[in-house]
Amino acid sequence: MKPIYAENIMVLIKHCGCAEWYILDKDYCFLDYNKLEEAYRKKGYNVVIDDAPRFGIKVVNEFTQTSFLDNIQEYKIATEELRNMLTNELSFNDKLAYNPSILIDFENKVFKSYYAEPESFEDFVPDGWKGQYQDFTGDIPQNQRYWIDEKGRNLIGENIDE
């Protein structure tokens, strides 16, 4: 699987003292489907979001973390594999899909979005969590910055905080 711009996105998940990359469908990144449904209702739509594609998990939080992580294992990808995939992309548009978009930090109950499109994932976080729209690339350990090559060059081509 590879990231496809505006379809699936690069997500860093911190849990149990580690940080791991995933390529996830955007719908997995709205952590609280109840809040998302309520936002639709406020706009006059009667929407019930089917949580079956997300393994029956209506709210992804510290209580459902284990089940969620167990079910998304197939989407986990190593930093070096991401770097190799990105290196092989030829078009700038394909490279853009590799921009880090979401940080889910189960340890600190923090969700950060830096997704370029108007999705507002950060507005739909579980109770007790902090949701923010901000550049979180500075929070990523150096050894997990797959978009930076061995010479310190940005493989995506835009000026991300290195």
Foldseek 3Di string as FASTA:
>chain_A
DAFAAPAWAWEWEADPHDIWIFTGGVVVLLQAQVVVQVVVVVVPDRDDDDCVVQVPRRHDALVCPVVNCVVRVVGIDALQVLLVVLLPDDDLNSLVRHPHAWYQYRPQQEIEGQRPDPDPSQVRHDPPHHGYYDQCPVVDDPVNQSQQDPVRDGSSPDDRPD
